[in-house]
Amino acid sequence: IPPGWLTALERVAAPLPSAGLPDGPLVMGILNATPDSFSDGGRHEAAADAVRAGMEMVADGAALLDIGGESTRPGAAVVTPGQEWARVAPVLAGLRAEIDRTRIDGAGIALSVDTRNAATMSAALALGATVINDVSALAHDPDALAVVADAACPVVLMHMRGTPQTMARLAHYDDVAADVTRELAARVAGAVAAGIDRRRIIVDPGIGFAKNAAQNAELLSRLPILANLGCRVLLGTSRKRMLGEWSGVARAADRDPGTLVSSLPGLALGNTILRVHNVPAMVQAVRVWQGAWRCDNWDRGERQGRPGMTQG
């Protein structure tokens, strides 16, 4: 047996940490307060509409809401931190107030802000956000590491090369799954060195960011490699371009069935956060996975001609 092999196996097989959130697969609803996001840009531009949509997601079973004020689709226009905060603040404040008003268990509904800017992070945390989701893995803004370390909040570090404006030119890898894992490991190490608790870190392979369709497919097929990082995983395939390439479905809003199928590697990994536009569809998929595919009776029934399967 090679030296260290059993230790490595134990690390991969061990349950991934919760990052301060509930255990099990969780559904994160996407709430874009932007005019130019690729799937729903402009739909929730009015704060009242965004708050209403967010509360519907909560009612449908979302455990997290991810509020974004800057589109990060390929080639998206850059916005200033001030513009971003002007979009995010009324939505975040409205959701926090509505959750408190309706007596929803605030500890059970995590409000995440999708931002690369330290000023937005700091203001959002002060206003009631509980998670930071950064597509740059805290590399874009030199003050971001300190903000998250001081807050001791869960943080999503996503893999991306370059910026949304340049990433399409940087999709060159020797081994995409290994390279993404190594590059994320470096960002995790940097975060830990800055004082962020590794147990609060969530890693996102960045499906569709500086990756083509074939590379996205390779990452999905080898998703368990991320377990080597010892962090919870977030997977976001929702309505992305590669689903259209694989299915022939041109309209992003019509790609929810593809979203469910491409999320299966995350469900198989366990304890994954699934970031989606269509919350009720994903919640139903998670419940089916938990109630049927993963239950002990399924394996027993398959081996014995299915007599062990419960009916209902």
C-alpha atoms as a PDB file:
ATOM      1  CA  ILE A   1       0.000   0.000   0.000  1.00  0.00           C
ATOM      2  CA  PRO A   2       1.536   3.357  -0.991  1.00  0.00           C
ATOM      3  CA  PRO A   3       2.489   5.630   1.930  1.00  0.00           C
ATOM      4  CA  GLY A   4      -0.366   7.939   2.862  1.00  0.00           C
ATOM      5  CA  TRP A   5      -2.888   6.062   0.721  1.00  0.00           C
ATOM      6  CA  LEU A   6      -5.197   5.126   3.597  1.00  0.00           C
ATOM      7  CA  THR A   7      -5.073   8.651   4.983  1.00  0.00           C
ATOM      8  CA  ALA A   8      -6.041  10.019   1.569  1.00  0.00           C
ATOM      9  CA  LEU A   9      -8.869   7.496   1.291  1.00  0.00           C
ATOM     10  CA  GLU A  10     -10.206   8.435   4.723  1.00  0.00           C
ATOM     11  CA  ARG A  11     -10.184  12.110   3.744  1.00  0.00           C
ATOM     12  CA  VAL A  12     -12.153  11.478   0.550  1.00  0.00           C
ATOM     13  CA  ALA A  13     -14.609   9.059   2.184  1.00  0.00           C
ATOM     14  CA  ALA A  14     -15.290  11.199   5.259  1.00  0.00           C
ATOM     15  CA  PRO A  15     -18.505  13.271   5.309  1.00  0.00           C
ATOM     16  CA  LEU A  16     -17.809  16.773   4.069  1.00  0.00           C
ATOM     17  CA  PRO A  17     -18.177  19.526   6.692  1.00  0.00           C
ATOM     18  CA  SER A  18     -21.386  21.515   6.995  1.00  0.00           C
ATOM     19  CA  ALA A  19     -19.696  24.961   6.773  1.00  0.00           C
ATOM     20  CA  GLY A  20     -22.030  26.195   9.496  1.00  0.00           C
ATOM     21  CA  LEU A  21     -25.157  25.283   7.513  1.00  0.00           C
ATOM     22  CA  PRO A  22     -27.644  22.412   7.862  1.00  0.00           C
ATOM     23  CA  ASP A  23     -26.420  18.976   6.770  1.00  0.00           C
ATOM     24  CA  GLY A  24     -27.644  17.154   3.685  1.00  0.00           C
ATOM     25  CA  PRO A  25     -28.139  18.425   0.143  1.00  0.00           C
ATOM     26  CA  LEU A  26     -29.415  22.011   0.231  1.00  0.00           C
ATOM     27  CA  VAL A  27     -31.119  24.050  -2.471  1.00  0.00           C
ATOM     28  CA  MET A  28     -29.940  27.629  -3.014  1.00  0.00           C
ATOM     29  CA  GLY A  29     -32.321  29.866  -4.936  1.00  0.00           C
ATOM     30  CA  ILE A  30     -30.794  32.348  -7.387  1.00  0.00           C
ATOM     31  CA  LEU A  31     -32.138  35.875  -6.969  1.00  0.00           C
ATOM     32  CA  ASN A  32     -30.595  38.242  -9.502  1.00  0.00           C
ATOM     33  CA  ALA A  33     -31.285  41.940  -8.893  1.00  0.00           C
ATOM     34  CA  THR A  34     -29.691  42.753 -12.236  1.00  0.00           C
ATOM     35  CA  PRO A  35     -30.882  43.893 -15.660  1.00  0.00           C
ATOM     36  CA  ASP A  36     -28.448  41.688 -17.616  1.00  0.00           C
ATOM     37  CA  SER A  37     -28.112  38.208 -16.070  1.00  0.00           C
ATOM     38  CA  PHE A  38     -28.179  35.488 -18.720  1.00  0.00           C
ATOM     39  CA  SER A  39     -31.397  33.736 -17.633  1.00  0.00           C
ATOM     40  CA  ASP A  40     -33.546  36.133 -15.609  1.00  0.00           C
ATOM     41  CA  GLY A  41     -31.971  39.555 -16.094  1.00  0.00           C
ATOM     42  CA  GLY A  42     -34.512  42.296 -15.382  1.00  0.00           C
ATOM     43  CA  ARG A  43     -37.101  39.945 -13.930  1.00  0.00           C
ATOM     44  CA  HIS A  44     -36.332  40.944 -10.330  1.00  0.00           C
ATOM     45  CA  GLU A  45     -34.893  44.400 -10.968  1.00  0.00           C
ATOM     46  CA  ALA A  46     -37.572  46.012  -8.778  1.00  0.00           C
ATOM     47  CA  ALA A  47     -36.797  45.286  -5.121  1.00  0.00           C
ATOM     48  CA  ALA A  48     -40.393  44.404  -4.260  1.00  0.00           C
ATOM     49  CA  ASP A  49     -40.487  41.834  -7.073  1.00  0.00           C
ATOM     50  CA  ALA A  50     -37.203  40.313  -5.903  1.00  0.00           C
ATOM     51  CA  VAL A  51     -38.390  40.069  -2.301  1.00  0.00           C
ATOM     52  CA  ARG A  52     -41.638  38.450  -3.405  1.00  0.00           C
ATOM     53  CA  ALA A  53     -39.752  35.953  -5.573  1.00  0.00           C
ATOM     54  CA  GLY A  54     -37.349  35.186  -2.739  1.00  0.00           C
ATOM     55  CA  MET A  55     -40.134  34.457  -0.285  1.00  0.00           C
ATOM     56  CA  GLU A  56     -41.736  32.156  -2.855  1.00  0.00           C
ATOM     57  CA  MET A  57     -38.426  30.273  -3.062  1.00  0.00           C
ATOM     58  CA  VAL A  58     -38.375  29.950   0.729  1.00  0.00           C
ATOM     59  CA  ALA A  59     -41.932  28.603   0.682  1.00  0.00           C
ATOM     60  CA  ASP A  60     -40.879  26.144  -2.037  1.00  0.00           C
ATOM     61  CA  GLY A  61     -38.094  24.741   0.131  1.00  0.00           C
ATOM     62  CA  ALA A  62     -34.946  26.778  -0.529  1.00  0.00           C
ATOM     63  CA  ALA A  63     -32.515  26.681   2.391  1.00  0.00           C
ATOM     64  CA  LEU A  64     -30.454  29.557   0.998  1.00  0.00           C
ATOM     65  CA  LEU A  65     -31.153  32.592  -1.169  1.00  0.00           C
ATOM     66  CA  ASP A  66     -28.274  34.005  -3.229  1.00  0.00           C
ATOM     67  CA  ILE A  67     -28.742  37.705  -4.007  1.00  0.00           C
ATOM     68  CA  GLY A  68     -26.640  39.146  -6.808  1.00  0.00           C
ATOM     69  CA  GLY A  69     -26.253  42.726  -7.994  1.00  0.00           C
ATOM     70  CA  GLU A  70     -23.666  42.165 -10.727  1.00  0.00           C
ATOM     71  CA  SER A  71     -24.001  39.791 -13.666  1.00  0.00           C
ATOM     72  CA  THR A  72     -21.011  37.462 -14.037  1.00  0.00           C
ATOM     73  CA  ARG A  73     -22.054  35.916 -17.337  1.00  0.00           C
ATOM     74  CA  PRO A  74     -19.327  35.836 -20.009  1.00  0.00           C
ATOM     75  CA  GLY A  75     -18.683  39.360 -21.288  1.00  0.00           C
ATOM     76  CA  ALA A  76     -20.966  41.044 -18.744  1.00  0.00           C
ATOM     77  CA  ALA A  77     -20.520  44.761 -18.140  1.00  0.00           C
ATOM     78  CA  VAL A  78     -18.622  45.714 -14.983  1.00  0.00           C
ATOM     79  CA  VAL A  79     -20.583  47.633 -12.337  1.00  0.00           C
ATOM     80  CA  THR A  80     -19.150  49.706  -9.500  1.00  0.00           C
ATOM     81  CA  PRO A  81     -19.499  48.541  -5.889  1.00  0.00           C
ATOM     82  CA  GLY A  82     -21.881  51.455  -5.361  1.00  0.00           C
ATOM     83  CA  GLN A  83     -24.131  50.371  -8.229  1.00  0.00           C
ATOM     84  CA  GLU A  84     -24.044  46.792  -7.013  1.00  0.00           C
ATOM     85  CA  TRP A  85     -24.981  47.738  -3.453  1.00  0.00           C
ATOM     86  CA  ALA A  86     -27.814  49.972  -4.653  1.00  0.00           C
ATOM     87  CA  ARG A  87     -29.336  46.885  -6.271  1.00  0.00           C
ATOM     88  CA  VAL A  88     -28.643  44.440  -3.448  1.00  0.00           C
ATOM     89  CA  ALA A  89     -29.439  46.530  -0.341  1.00  0.00           C
ATOM     90  CA  PRO A  90     -33.222  46.929  -0.735  1.00  0.00           C
ATOM     91  CA  VAL A  91     -33.635  43.263  -1.644  1.00  0.00           C
ATOM     92  CA  LEU A  92     -31.560  42.029   1.278  1.00  0.00           C
ATOM     93  CA  ALA A  93     -33.279  44.403   3.718  1.00  0.00           C
ATOM     94  CA  GLY A  94     -36.701  43.432   2.414  1.00  0.00           C
ATOM     95  CA  LEU A  95     -36.012  39.714   2.717  1.00  0.00           C
ATOM     96  CA  ARG A  96     -34.567  40.070   6.206  1.00  0.00           C
ATOM     97  CA  ALA A  97     -37.643  42.041   7.313  1.00  0.00           C
ATOM     98  CA  GLU A  98     -40.090  39.662   5.637  1.00  0.00           C
ATOM     99  CA  ILE A  99     -38.450  36.583   7.132  1.00  0.00           C
ATOM    100  CA  ASP A 100     -38.592  38.190  10.582  1.00  0.00           C
ATOM    101  CA  ARG A 101     -42.173  39.435  10.069  1.00  0.00           C
ATOM    102  CA  THR A 102     -43.507  36.038   9.052  1.00  0.00           C
ATOM    103  CA  ARG A 103     -41.608  34.382  11.924  1.00  0.00           C
ATOM    104  CA  ILE A 104     -39.739  32.030   9.616  1.00  0.00           C
ATOM    105  CA  ASP A 105     -36.820  30.486  11.458  1.00  0.00           C
ATOM    106  CA  GLY A 106     -34.132  32.927  10.407  1.00  0.00           C
ATOM    107  CA  ALA A 107     -31.386  30.528  11.437  1.00  0.00           C
ATOM    108  CA  GLY A 108     -32.732  28.035   8.923  1.00  0.00           C
ATOM    109  CA  ILE A 109     -32.835  30.441   5.963  1.00  0.00           C
ATOM    110  CA  ALA A 110     -29.379  31.598   4.931  1.00  0.00           C
ATOM    111  CA  LEU A 111     -29.185  34.873   3.027  1.00  0.00           C
ATOM    112  CA  SER A 112     -26.177  34.828   0.713  1.00  0.00           C
ATOM    113  CA  VAL A 113     -24.791  37.747  -1.265  1.00  0.00           C
ATOM    114  CA  ASP A 114     -23.031  37.015  -4.554  1.00  0.00           C
ATOM    115  CA  THR A 115     -20.286  39.637  -4.778  1.00  0.00           C
ATOM    116  CA  ARG A 116     -16.579  40.169  -5.506  1.00  0.00           C
ATOM    117  CA  ASN A 117     -16.414  43.486  -3.657  1.00  0.00           C
ATOM    118  CA  ALA A 118     -15.304  43.834  -0.031  1.00  0.00           C
ATOM    119  CA  ALA A 119     -17.428  46.944   0.546  1.00  0.00           C
ATOM    120  CA  THR A 120     -20.548  45.075  -0.571  1.00  0.00           C
ATOM    121  CA  MET A 121     -19.620  42.096   1.590  1.00  0.00           C
ATOM    122  CA  SER A 122     -19.168  44.243   4.687  1.00  0.00           C
ATOM    123  CA  ALA A 123     -22.395  46.189   4.172  1.00  0.00           C
ATOM    124  CA  ALA A 124     -24.364  43.028   3.400  1.00  0.00           C
ATOM    125  CA  LEU A 125     -23.163  41.235   6.518  1.00  0.00           C
ATOM    126  CA  ALA A 126     -24.142  44.263   8.608  1.00  0.00           C
ATOM    127  CA  LEU A 127     -27.622  44.224   7.043  1.00  0.00           C
ATOM    128  CA  GLY A 128     -28.313  40.560   7.746  1.00  0.00           C
ATOM    129  CA  ALA A 129     -26.536  38.453   5.131  1.00  0.00           C
ATOM    130  CA  THR A 130     -25.071  35.252   6.561  1.00  0.00           C
ATOM    131  CA  VAL A 131     -23.084  33.824   3.610  1.00  0.00           C
ATOM    132  CA  ILE A 132     -20.679  35.375   1.095  1.00  0.00           C
ATOM    133  CA  ASN A 133     -20.483  33.852  -2.398  1.00  0.00           C
ATOM    134  CA  ASP A 134     -17.508  35.142  -4.399  1.00  0.00           C
ATOM    135  CA  VAL A 135     -16.915  34.026  -7.991  1.00  0.00           C
ATOM    136  CA  SER A 136     -13.313  35.218  -7.684  1.00  0.00           C
ATOM    137  CA  ALA A 137     -12.645  33.114  -4.565  1.00  0.00           C
ATOM    138  CA  LEU A 138     -11.781  36.300  -2.623  1.00  0.00           C
ATOM    139  CA  ALA A 139      -9.076  37.243  -5.142  1.00  0.00           C
ATOM    140  CA  HIS A 140     -10.735  40.230  -6.850  1.00  0.00           C
ATOM    141  CA  ASP A 141     -10.688  42.659  -3.917  1.00  0.00           C
ATOM    142  CA  PRO A 142      -7.616  42.728  -1.633  1.00  0.00           C
ATOM    143  CA  ASP A 143      -9.804  43.593   1.373  1.00  0.00           C
ATOM    144  CA  ALA A 144     -12.211  40.676   0.919  1.00  0.00           C
ATOM    145  CA  LEU A 145     -10.194  38.106   2.870  1.00  0.00           C
ATOM    146  CA  ALA A 146     -10.125  40.301   5.973  1.00  0.00           C
ATOM    147  CA  VAL A 147     -13.847  41.059   5.789  1.00  0.00           C
ATOM    148  CA  VAL A 148     -14.778  37.378   5.668  1.00  0.00           C
ATOM    149  CA  ALA A 149     -12.220  36.403   8.309  1.00  0.00           C
ATOM    150  CA  ASP A 150     -13.568  39.037  10.710  1.00  0.00           C
ATOM    151  CA  ALA A 151     -17.167  37.972  10.085  1.00  0.00           C
ATOM    152  CA  ALA A 152     -16.428  34.248  10.585  1.00  0.00           C
ATOM    153  CA  CYS A 153     -19.253  33.489   8.145  1.00  0.00           C
ATOM    154  CA  PRO A 154     -19.601  30.690   5.594  1.00  0.00           C
ATOM    155  CA  VAL A 155     -17.961  31.649   2.297  1.00  0.00           C
ATOM    156  CA  VAL A 156     -18.132  30.153  -1.193  1.00  0.00           C
ATOM    157  CA  LEU A 157     -14.857  30.130  -3.114  1.00  0.00           C
ATOM    158  CA  MET A 158     -15.563  29.557  -6.807  1.00  0.00           C
ATOM    159  CA  HIS A 159     -13.029  28.540  -9.422  1.00  0.00           C
ATOM    160  CA  MET A 160     -12.605  30.999 -12.254  1.00  0.00           C
ATOM    161  CA  ARG A 161      -9.688  32.218 -14.313  1.00  0.00           C
ATOM    162  CA  GLY A 162      -9.490  35.872 -15.228  1.00  0.00           C
ATOM    163  CA  THR A 163     -12.701  37.889 -15.099  1.00  0.00           C
ATOM    164  CA  PRO A 164     -16.134  37.487 -16.696  1.00  0.00           C
ATOM    165  CA  GLN A 165     -14.767  39.645 -19.514  1.00  0.00           C
ATOM    166  CA  THR A 166     -11.621  37.542 -20.136  1.00  0.00           C
ATOM    167  CA  MET A 167     -12.365  34.030 -18.857  1.00  0.00           C
ATOM    168  CA  ALA A 168     -13.445  32.576 -22.215  1.00  0.00           C
ATOM    169  CA  ARG A 169      -9.859  32.982 -23.454  1.00  0.00           C
ATOM    170  CA  LEU A 170      -8.403  31.097 -20.479  1.00  0.00           C
ATOM    171  CA  ALA A 171     -10.049  27.681 -20.844  1.00  0.00           C
ATOM    172  CA  HIS A 172      -6.810  25.732 -21.352  1.00  0.00           C
ATOM    173  CA  TYR A 173      -6.063  22.833 -18.999  1.00  0.00           C
ATOM    174  CA  ASP A 174      -3.787  19.798 -18.894  1.00  0.00           C
ATOM    175  CA  ASP A 175      -6.341  17.925 -16.775  1.00  0.00           C
ATOM    176  CA  VAL A 176      -9.363  20.072 -16.014  1.00  0.00           C
ATOM    177  CA  ALA A 177     -10.522  18.231 -12.878  1.00  0.00           C
ATOM    178  CA  ALA A 178      -7.044  18.055 -11.361  1.00  0.00           C
ATOM    179  CA  ASP A 179      -6.165  21.614 -12.378  1.00  0.00           C
ATOM    180  CA  VAL A 180      -9.387  23.068 -10.959  1.00  0.00           C
ATOM    181  CA  THR A 181      -8.856  21.163  -7.716  1.00  0.00           C
ATOM    182  CA  ARG A 182      -5.254  22.382  -7.420  1.00  0.00           C
ATOM    183  CA  GLU A 183      -6.223  25.983  -8.132  1.00  0.00           C
ATOM    184  CA  LEU A 184      -9.070  25.847  -5.622  1.00  0.00           C
ATOM    185  CA  ALA A 185      -6.695  24.298  -3.078  1.00  0.00           C
ATOM    186  CA  ALA A 186      -4.463  27.351  -3.443  1.00  0.00           C
ATOM    187  CA  ARG A 187      -7.397  29.691  -2.814  1.00  0.00           C
ATOM    188  CA  VAL A 188      -8.495  27.645   0.212  1.00  0.00           C
ATOM    189  CA  ALA A 189      -4.947  27.779   1.589  1.00  0.00           C
ATOM    190  CA  GLY A 190      -4.857  31.541   1.096  1.00  0.00           C
ATOM    191  CA  ALA A 191      -8.165  31.947   2.889  1.00  0.00           C
ATOM    192  CA  VAL A 192      -7.033  29.814   5.813  1.00  0.00           C
ATOM    193  CA  ALA A 193      -3.766  31.766   6.030  1.00  0.00           C
ATOM    194  CA  ALA A 194      -5.838  34.967   6.251  1.00  0.00           C
ATOM    195  CA  GLY A 195      -7.707  33.628   9.283  1.00  0.00           C
ATOM    196  CA  ILE A 196     -10.778  32.029   7.682  1.00  0.00           C
ATOM    197  CA  ASP A 197     -11.826  28.775   9.329  1.00  0.00           C
ATOM    198  CA  ARG A 198     -11.512  25.945   6.776  1.00  0.00           C
ATOM    199  CA  ARG A 199     -14.701  24.448   8.205  1.00  0.00           C
ATOM    200  CA  ARG A 200     -16.578  27.554   6.996  1.00  0.00           C
ATOM    201  CA  ILE A 201     -15.301  27.278   3.413  1.00  0.00           C
ATOM    202  CA  ILE A 202     -17.462  25.971   0.559  1.00  0.00           C
ATOM    203  CA  VAL A 203     -15.850  25.265  -2.816  1.00  0.00           C
ATOM    204  CA  ASP A 204     -17.527  25.668  -6.205  1.00  0.00           C
ATOM    205  CA  PRO A 205     -15.872  24.179  -9.339  1.00  0.00           C
ATOM    206  CA  GLY A 206     -17.216  27.078 -11.390  1.00  0.00           C
ATOM    207  CA  ILE A 207     -19.118  25.198 -14.069  1.00  0.00           C
ATOM    208  CA  GLY A 208     -19.164  27.397 -17.179  1.00  0.00           C
ATOM    209  CA  PHE A 209     -16.510  29.817 -15.922  1.00  0.00           C
ATOM    210  CA  ALA A 210     -13.343  29.585 -18.061  1.00  0.00           C
ATOM    211  CA  LYS A 211     -14.490  26.145 -19.187  1.00  0.00           C
ATOM    212  CA  ASN A 212     -16.028  24.833 -22.400  1.00  0.00           C
ATOM    213  CA  ALA A 213     -18.785  22.225 -22.621  1.00  0.00           C
ATOM    214  CA  ALA A 214     -16.392  19.268 -22.787  1.00  0.00           C
ATOM    215  CA  GLN A 215     -14.471  20.532 -19.769  1.00  0.00           C
ATOM    216  CA  ASN A 216     -17.712  21.042 -17.843  1.00  0.00           C
ATOM    217  CA  ALA A 217     -18.685  17.449 -18.632  1.00  0.00           C
ATOM    218  CA  GLU A 218     -15.315  16.192 -17.408  1.00  0.00           C
ATOM    219  CA  LEU A 219     -15.662  18.156 -14.172  1.00  0.00           C
ATOM    220  CA  LEU A 220     -19.145  16.798 -13.519  1.00  0.00           C
ATOM    221  CA  SER A 221     -18.042  13.223 -14.151  1.00  0.00           C
ATOM    222  CA  ARG A 222     -15.122  13.615 -11.729  1.00  0.00           C
ATOM    223  CA  LEU A 223     -16.775  15.828  -9.126  1.00  0.00           C
ATOM    224  CA  PRO A 224     -15.684  13.608  -6.183  1.00  0.00           C
ATOM    225  CA  ILE A 225     -12.104  14.818  -6.714  1.00  0.00           C
ATOM    226  CA  LEU A 226     -13.159  18.000  -4.901  1.00  0.00           C
ATOM    227  CA  ALA A 227     -13.593  15.973  -1.705  1.00  0.00           C
ATOM    228  CA  ASN A 228      -9.800  16.062  -1.436  1.00  0.00           C
ATOM    229  CA  LEU A 229     -10.139  19.700  -0.387  1.00  0.00           C
ATOM    230  CA  GLY A 230     -12.065  18.746   2.754  1.00  0.00           C
ATOM    231  CA  CYS A 231     -14.693  21.441   2.143  1.00  0.00           C
ATOM    232  CA  ARG A 232     -18.392  21.404   1.399  1.00  0.00           C
ATOM    233  CA  VAL A 233     -19.197  21.692  -2.312  1.00  0.00           C
ATOM    234  CA  LEU A 234     -21.569  24.032  -4.133  1.00  0.00           C
ATOM    235  CA  LEU A 235     -22.618  23.051  -7.651  1.00  0.00           C
ATOM    236  CA  GLY A 236     -24.236  25.496 -10.055  1.00  0.00           C
ATOM    237  CA  THR A 237     -25.236  24.185 -13.472  1.00  0.00           C
ATOM    238  CA  SER A 238     -28.602  25.928 -13.626  1.00  0.00           C
ATOM    239  CA  ARG A 239     -29.710  26.774 -17.179  1.00  0.00           C
ATOM    240  CA  LYS A 240     -26.121  27.225 -18.351  1.00  0.00           C
ATOM    241  CA  ARG A 241     -25.016  27.316 -21.959  1.00  0.00           C
ATOM    242  CA  MET A 242     -23.544  23.819 -22.035  1.00  0.00           C
ATOM    243  CA  LEU A 243     -26.991  22.392 -21.219  1.00  0.00           C
ATOM    244  CA  GLY A 244     -28.246  24.036 -24.396  1.00  0.00           C
ATOM    245  CA  GLU A 245     -25.308  22.627 -26.361  1.00  0.00           C
ATOM    246  CA  TRP A 246     -25.976  19.118 -25.090  1.00  0.00           C
ATOM    247  CA  SER A 247     -29.775  19.224 -25.413  1.00  0.00           C
ATOM    248  CA  GLY A 248     -30.392  21.574 -28.320  1.00  0.00           C
ATOM    249  CA  VAL A 249     -32.587  23.777 -26.093  1.00  0.00           C
ATOM    250  CA  ALA A 250     -31.763  27.365 -26.998  1.00  0.00           C
ATOM    251  CA  ARG A 251     -33.838  29.280 -24.434  1.00  0.00           C
ATOM    252  CA  ALA A 252     -32.176  29.353 -21.000  1.00  0.00           C
ATOM    253  CA  ALA A 253     -35.479  29.306 -19.100  1.00  0.00           C
ATOM    254  CA  ASP A 254     -36.379  25.994 -20.792  1.00  0.00           C
ATOM    255  CA  ARG A 255     -33.290  24.150 -19.491  1.00  0.00           C
ATOM    256  CA  ASP A 256     -34.589  23.167 -16.054  1.00  0.00           C
ATOM    257  CA  PRO A 257     -34.816  19.428 -16.904  1.00  0.00           C
ATOM    258  CA  GLY A 258     -31.167  19.556 -17.957  1.00  0.00           C
ATOM    259  CA  THR A 259     -30.359  21.374 -14.736  1.00  0.00           C
ATOM    260  CA  LEU A 260     -31.812  18.519 -12.688  1.00  0.00           C
ATOM    261  CA  VAL A 261     -29.854  15.839 -14.546  1.00  0.00           C
ATOM    262  CA  SER A 262     -26.580  17.763 -14.417  1.00  0.00           C
ATOM    263  CA  SER A 263     -27.050  18.215 -10.651  1.00  0.00           C
ATOM    264  CA  LEU A 264     -27.034  14.462 -10.013  1.00  0.00           C
ATOM    265  CA  PRO A 265     -23.237  14.305  -9.487  1.00  0.00           C
ATOM    266  CA  GLY A 266     -23.689  16.803  -6.672  1.00  0.00           C
ATOM    267  CA  LEU A 267     -26.417  14.715  -5.081  1.00  0.00           C
ATOM    268  CA  ALA A 268     -24.229  11.616  -5.339  1.00  0.00           C
ATOM    269  CA  LEU A 269     -21.361  13.436  -3.621  1.00  0.00           C
ATOM    270  CA  GLY A 270     -23.569  14.248  -0.633  1.00  0.00           C
ATOM    271  CA  ASN A 271     -23.947  17.393   1.492  1.00  0.00           C
ATOM    272  CA  THR A 272     -23.776  19.485  -1.683  1.00  0.00           C
ATOM    273  CA  ILE A 273     -25.423  22.892  -2.099  1.00  0.00           C
ATOM    274  CA  LEU A 274     -27.288  23.072  -5.417  1.00  0.00           C
ATOM    275  CA  ARG A 275     -27.632  26.601  -6.801  1.00  0.00           C
ATOM    276  CA  VAL A 276     -30.649  26.868  -9.123  1.00  0.00           C
ATOM    277  CA  HIS A 277     -33.216  29.192 -10.656  1.00  0.00           C
ATOM    278  CA  ASN A 278     -36.130  26.726 -10.368  1.00  0.00           C
ATOM    279  CA  VAL A 279     -36.338  25.913  -6.661  1.00  0.00           C
ATOM    280  CA  PRO A 280     -39.461  23.693  -6.538  1.00  0.00           C
ATOM    281  CA  ALA A 281     -38.144  21.399  -9.278  1.00  0.00           C
ATOM    282  CA  MET A 282     -34.800  20.955  -7.533  1.00  0.00           C
ATOM    283  CA  VAL A 283     -36.393  20.480  -4.114  1.00  0.00           C
ATOM    284  CA  GLN A 284     -38.562  17.717  -5.572  1.00  0.00           C
ATOM    285  CA  ALA A 285     -35.502  16.082  -7.145  1.00  0.00           C
ATOM    286  CA  VAL A 286     -33.625  16.188  -3.833  1.00  0.00           C
ATOM    287  CA  ARG A 287     -36.563  14.654  -1.981  1.00  0.00           C
ATOM    288  CA  VAL A 288     -36.870  11.850  -4.521  1.00  0.00           C
ATOM    289  CA  TRP A 289     -33.139  11.208  -4.247  1.00  0.00           C
ATOM    290  CA  GLN A 290     -33.280  11.094  -0.463  1.00  0.00           C
ATOM    291  CA  GLY A 291     -36.485   9.073  -0.277  1.00  0.00           C
ATOM    292  CA  ALA A 292     -35.917   6.479  -2.976  1.00  0.00           C
ATOM    293  CA  TRP A 293     -32.531   6.298  -4.624  1.00  0.00           C
ATOM    294  CA  ARG A 294     -30.471   6.469  -1.429  1.00  0.00           C
ATOM    295  CA  CYS A 295     -32.690   4.418   0.875  1.00  0.00           C
ATOM    296  CA  ASP A 296     -31.610   0.993   2.160  1.00  0.00           C
ATOM    297  CA  ASN A 297     -34.782  -0.608   0.821  1.00  0.00           C
ATOM    298  CA  TRP A 298     -33.784   0.272  -2.738  1.00  0.00           C
ATOM    299  CA  ASP A 299     -30.615  -1.841  -2.706  1.00  0.00           C
ATOM    300  CA  ARG A 300     -32.371  -4.655  -0.858  1.00  0.00           C
ATOM    301  CA  GLY A 301     -35.231  -4.607  -3.344  1.00  0.00           C
ATOM    302  CA  GLU A 302     -32.896  -4.652  -6.351  1.00  0.00           C
ATOM    303  CA  ARG A 303     -31.066  -7.701  -5.014  1.00  0.00           C
ATOM    304  CA  GLN A 304     -34.233  -9.606  -4.149  1.00  0.00           C
ATOM    305  CA  GLY A 305     -36.550  -8.771  -7.018  1.00  0.00           C
ATOM    306  CA  ARG A 306     -37.724  -5.597  -5.250  1.00  0.00           C
ATOM    307  CA  PRO A 307     -39.844  -7.206  -2.485  1.00  0.00           C
ATOM    308  CA  GLY A 308     -38.198  -4.906   0.067  1.00  0.00           C
ATOM    309  CA  MET A 309     -39.443  -1.751  -1.626  1.00  0.00           C
ATOM    310  CA  THR A 310     -42.060   0.109   0.336  1.00  0.00           C
ATOM    311  CA  GLN A 311     -45.152   1.288  -1.470  1.00  0.00           C
ATOM    312  CA  GLY A 312     -46.562   4.790  -1.296  1.00  0.00           C
END
